[in-house]
Amino acid sequence: MSAPVPPSPTAAATRIAKHLYQITHQHFFTSFDDWLALAVNAFLRDDDAYMAIIRKYGPRESGKDHPADHFAHALGEWMRAMQQHPADYLGVVYEQEAVTNKYSGQFFTPESITELMAAITMPDELPDTALVSDPACGSGRMLISGIKRNRFATFVGTDVDLTCVHMTALNCLVRNAKTYIIHGNSLSLETWGGFYVRRSPFGGELHRLTKEDTDLLIRLPFTA
């Protein structure tokens, strides 16, 4: 009996984007950034931060879908795809829509290449005490490749782009891996906060890191 064919990452990304395109009064990437931030704040259980974003979209109107509905449908589509076959759907949405919108966005290292890089730089039996760090993590693909080898290790990702920080936080959260995600510049060592994924028997827990936390974390490799 043949194994089931995993869903196409591009097809799943298109379905996610379709819901965000229903928000027609603004640029797609504004909706995408807000969607990521809403998801992060929902997992943080930060009601104030969540509502500060959703209030921008105004009250509900009778007989009309609200942007909150489209955000919820997009999140459901992402979580459904992750349950069927884990992949970096968030990064694929970003790249795919950057091309179609002629948007000068980032393009991340393909997952096949990060798998190869992991095979070259990480032992087959990655120990629980290992630290996997990516100073320009993008959507978190290098960290994901490390998580596949041993999710009990510790992972650190840094990026100057808050969109990337949000994607990495969500990608590592659903994989229940102990991860520190720093919103900062790995060259200048400047930081602006970040997130921490705590691994637990019941799934990942997302927590916010202060600037003081990330200032310390980003400098740890350079301290005695």
Protein backbone atom coordinates (compact mmCIF):
# COMPACT_ATOMS: atom_id res chain seq x y z
CA MET A 1 0.00 0.00 0.00
CA SER A 2 1.51 3.33 -1.04
CA ALA A 3 2.09 6.07 1.52
CA PRO A 4 -0.27 9.07 1.43
CA VAL A 5 0.99 11.98 -0.61
CA PRO A 6 1.69 15.02 1.63
CA PRO A 7 -0.17 18.21 0.73
CA SER A 8 1.59 20.67 -1.55
CA PRO A 9 3.08 23.54 0.50
CA THR A 10 2.24 25.97 -2.30
CA ALA A 11 -1.37 24.78 -2.48
CA ALA A 12 -1.83 25.09 1.29
CA ALA A 13 -0.17 28.54 1.21
CA THR A 14 -2.56 29.64 -1.53
CA ARG A 15 -5.54 28.56 0.57
CA ILE A 16 -4.21 30.52 3.56
CA ALA A 17 -3.58 33.62 1.44
CA LYS A 18 -7.04 33.39 -0.13
CA HIS A 19 -8.65 34.22 3.21
CA LEU A 20 -6.35 37.20 3.77
CA TYR A 21 -7.13 38.53 0.29
CA GLN A 22 -10.76 38.85 1.41
CA ILE A 23 -9.59 41.91 3.37
CA THR A 24 -9.69 44.20 0.37
CA HIS A 25 -9.16 47.70 1.78
CA GLN A 26 -5.40 47.37 2.34
CA HIS A 27 -2.22 45.81 0.94
CA PHE A 28 -1.98 42.03 1.36
CA PHE A 29 1.18 42.26 3.45
CA THR A 30 -0.47 44.60 5.95
CA SER A 31 -3.12 41.94 6.47
CA PHE A 32 -0.44 39.23 6.63
CA ASP A 33 1.58 41.10 9.27
CA ASP A 34 -1.54 41.76 11.34
CA TRP A 35 -2.60 38.12 11.01
CA LEU A 36 0.76 36.92 12.33
CA ALA A 37 0.70 39.44 15.19
CA LEU A 38 -2.87 38.45 16.11
CA ALA A 39 -1.92 34.77 16.17
CA VAL A 40 1.14 35.46 18.33
CA ASN A 41 -0.85 37.58 20.78
CA ALA A 42 -3.62 34.97 20.91
CA PHE A 43 -1.10 32.28 21.89
CA LEU A 44 0.44 34.73 24.39
CA ARG A 45 -3.07 35.32 25.79
CA ASP A 46 -2.33 39.02 25.56
CA ASP A 47 -5.88 40.36 25.14
CA ASP A 48 -4.85 44.01 25.20
CA ALA A 49 -2.30 43.63 22.38
CA TYR A 50 -4.74 41.48 20.39
CA MET A 51 -7.57 43.98 20.68
CA ALA A 52 -5.29 46.92 19.83
CA ILE A 53 -4.80 45.32 16.41
CA ILE A 54 -8.34 44.11 15.77
CA ARG A 55 -9.88 47.48 16.69
CA LYS A 56 -8.21 48.97 13.61
CA TYR A 57 -10.71 47.00 11.54
CA GLY A 58 -13.74 48.64 13.09
CA PRO A 59 -16.99 47.15 14.41
CA ARG A 60 -18.94 44.36 12.79
CA GLU A 61 -21.61 45.26 10.24
CA SER A 62 -24.80 43.26 9.97
CA GLY A 63 -24.75 40.78 7.12
CA LYS A 64 -21.03 41.26 6.37
CA ASP A 65 -17.99 39.21 7.21
CA HIS A 66 -15.56 41.00 9.48
CA PRO A 67 -11.78 40.86 8.87
CA ALA A 68 -11.57 38.93 12.16
CA ASP A 69 -13.45 36.10 10.41
CA HIS A 70 -10.94 36.01 7.56
CA PHE A 71 -8.04 36.04 10.03
CA ALA A 72 -9.63 33.11 11.91
CA HIS A 73 -10.22 31.12 8.70
CA ALA A 74 -6.59 31.67 7.61
CA LEU A 75 -5.33 30.46 11.00
CA GLY A 76 -7.57 27.41 10.79
CA GLU A 77 -6.26 26.65 7.30
CA TRP A 78 -2.67 26.87 8.55
CA MET A 79 -3.31 24.62 11.56
CA ARG A 80 -5.14 22.09 9.38
CA ALA A 81 -2.19 21.93 6.97
CA MET A 82 0.24 21.55 9.90
CA GLN A 83 -1.75 18.61 11.26
CA GLN A 84 -1.71 16.88 7.87
CA HIS A 85 1.96 17.46 7.09
CA PRO A 86 4.22 19.92 8.99
CA ALA A 87 6.03 22.38 6.73
CA ASP A 88 6.95 26.06 6.67
CA TYR A 89 3.64 27.21 5.19
CA LEU A 90 4.05 30.69 6.68
CA GLY A 91 7.32 31.24 4.85
CA VAL A 92 5.81 29.88 1.63
CA VAL A 93 2.89 32.31 1.86
CA TYR A 94 5.34 35.18 2.31
CA GLU A 95 7.52 34.17 -0.63
CA GLN A 96 4.66 33.20 -2.92
CA GLU A 97 2.73 36.41 -2.43
CA ALA A 98 5.88 38.54 -2.65
CA VAL A 99 6.30 37.27 -6.22
CA THR A 100 2.68 37.73 -7.27
CA ASN A 101 2.53 41.21 -5.73
CA LYS A 102 5.85 42.27 -7.29
CA TYR A 103 6.79 43.04 -3.69
CA SER A 104 10.44 43.44 -2.77
CA GLY A 105 10.34 40.81 -0.04
CA GLN A 106 12.73 38.28 1.41
CA PHE A 107 13.25 34.83 -0.01
CA PHE A 108 14.30 32.19 2.45
CA THR A 109 16.67 29.25 2.11
CA PRO A 110 14.67 26.32 0.62
CA GLU A 111 13.80 23.63 3.12
CA SER A 112 15.73 21.05 1.09
CA ILE A 113 18.87 23.17 1.54
CA THR A 114 18.36 23.69 5.28
CA GLU A 115 17.97 19.92 5.59
CA LEU A 116 21.30 19.49 3.80
CA MET A 117 22.93 22.16 5.98
CA ALA A 118 21.63 20.42 9.09
CA ALA A 119 23.06 17.11 7.87
CA ILE A 120 26.46 18.76 7.37
CA THR A 121 26.62 20.81 10.58
CA MET A 122 24.66 18.70 13.09
CA PRO A 123 25.33 15.14 14.28
CA ASP A 124 22.76 12.49 13.37
CA GLU A 125 22.09 12.01 17.08
CA LEU A 126 21.76 15.64 18.16
CA PRO A 127 22.12 15.59 21.97
CA ASP A 128 19.54 17.10 24.29
CA THR A 129 22.22 19.54 25.49
CA ALA A 130 22.85 20.91 21.99
CA LEU A 131 22.28 24.58 21.15
CA VAL A 132 21.21 25.34 17.57
CA SER A 133 21.46 29.02 16.66
CA ASP A 134 20.58 30.94 13.50
CA PRO A 135 21.61 34.63 13.51
CA ALA A 136 19.35 35.47 10.55
CA CYS A 137 16.52 33.00 11.01
CA GLY A 138 13.96 34.22 8.47
CA SER A 139 10.87 32.08 8.95
CA GLY A 140 12.82 29.61 11.08
CA ARG A 141 13.65 26.91 8.51
CA MET A 142 17.13 26.13 9.85
CA LEU A 143 15.72 25.80 13.35
CA ILE A 144 12.96 23.54 12.03
CA SER A 145 15.59 21.28 10.46
CA GLY A 146 17.29 21.07 13.85
CA ILE A 147 14.01 20.37 15.62
CA LYS A 148 13.43 17.41 13.29
CA ARG A 149 16.71 15.94 14.58
CA ASN A 150 15.97 16.46 18.27
CA ARG A 151 13.22 18.68 19.59
CA PHE A 152 14.67 18.33 23.11
CA ALA A 153 17.66 20.51 22.18
CA THR A 154 17.62 24.30 22.63
CA PHE A 155 17.12 26.63 19.67
CA VAL A 156 17.87 30.34 19.24
CA GLY A 157 16.82 32.44 16.25
CA THR A 158 17.47 36.13 15.61
CA ASP A 159 16.12 38.42 12.90
CA VAL A 160 15.80 42.18 12.36
CA ASP A 161 12.41 41.76 10.65
CA LEU A 162 9.46 41.46 13.04
CA THR A 163 7.47 39.56 10.41
CA CYS A 164 10.21 36.90 10.42
CA VAL A 165 10.30 36.86 14.21
CA HIS A 166 6.56 36.21 14.31
CA MET A 167 6.80 33.43 11.70
CA THR A 168 9.66 31.74 13.57
CA ALA A 169 7.83 32.00 16.89
CA LEU A 170 4.72 30.34 15.45
CA ASN A 171 6.70 27.69 13.57
CA CYS A 172 8.63 26.69 16.69
CA LEU A 173 5.58 26.93 18.95
CA VAL A 174 3.57 24.35 17.00
CA ARG A 175 6.61 22.04 17.03
CA ASN A 176 6.83 22.25 20.84
CA ALA A 177 10.55 23.04 20.87
CA LYS A 178 12.40 25.10 23.48
CA THR A 179 13.24 28.21 21.47
CA TYR A 180 14.38 31.77 22.07
CA ILE A 181 13.41 34.10 19.23
CA ILE A 182 15.18 37.46 19.32
CA HIS A 183 13.98 40.52 17.45
CA GLY A 184 17.38 42.06 16.91
CA ASN A 185 20.45 42.62 14.79
CA SER A 186 23.10 39.90 15.11
CA LEU A 187 25.80 42.25 13.78
CA SER A 188 25.19 45.33 15.93
CA LEU A 189 23.81 43.25 18.88
CA GLU A 190 20.89 45.67 19.16
CA THR A 191 17.61 44.04 20.25
CA TRP A 192 13.95 45.05 20.63
CA GLY A 193 12.51 42.13 22.58
CA GLY A 194 11.32 38.75 21.41
CA PHE A 195 9.64 35.50 22.40
CA TYR A 196 10.34 32.27 24.24
CA VAL A 197 8.72 28.92 23.44
CA ARG A 198 8.58 26.71 26.51
CA ARG A 199 8.37 23.03 25.75
CA SER A 200 5.74 21.15 27.77
CA PRO A 201 3.99 17.74 27.75
CA PHE A 202 0.83 19.50 26.58
CA GLY A 203 2.38 21.44 23.69
CA GLY A 204 4.43 24.58 23.30
CA GLU A 205 3.76 27.64 25.46
CA LEU A 206 4.59 31.08 24.12
CA HIS A 207 5.99 33.82 26.37
CA ARG A 208 7.23 37.32 25.68
CA LEU A 209 10.88 38.32 26.22
CA THR A 210 11.78 41.83 27.33
CA LYS A 211 14.50 43.91 25.70
CA GLU A 212 16.65 43.24 28.77
CA ASP A 213 16.19 39.49 28.24
CA THR A 214 17.18 39.64 24.58
CA ASP A 215 20.09 42.03 25.22
CA LEU A 216 21.52 39.33 27.48
CA LEU A 217 20.72 36.42 25.15
CA ILE A 218 22.25 37.96 22.03
CA ARG A 219 25.52 38.64 23.86
CA LEU A 220 25.88 35.22 25.50
CA PRO A 221 28.15 33.79 22.75
CA PHE A 222 30.60 36.65 23.39
CA THR A 223 30.75 36.40 27.18
CA ALA A 224 33.26 34.36 29.15
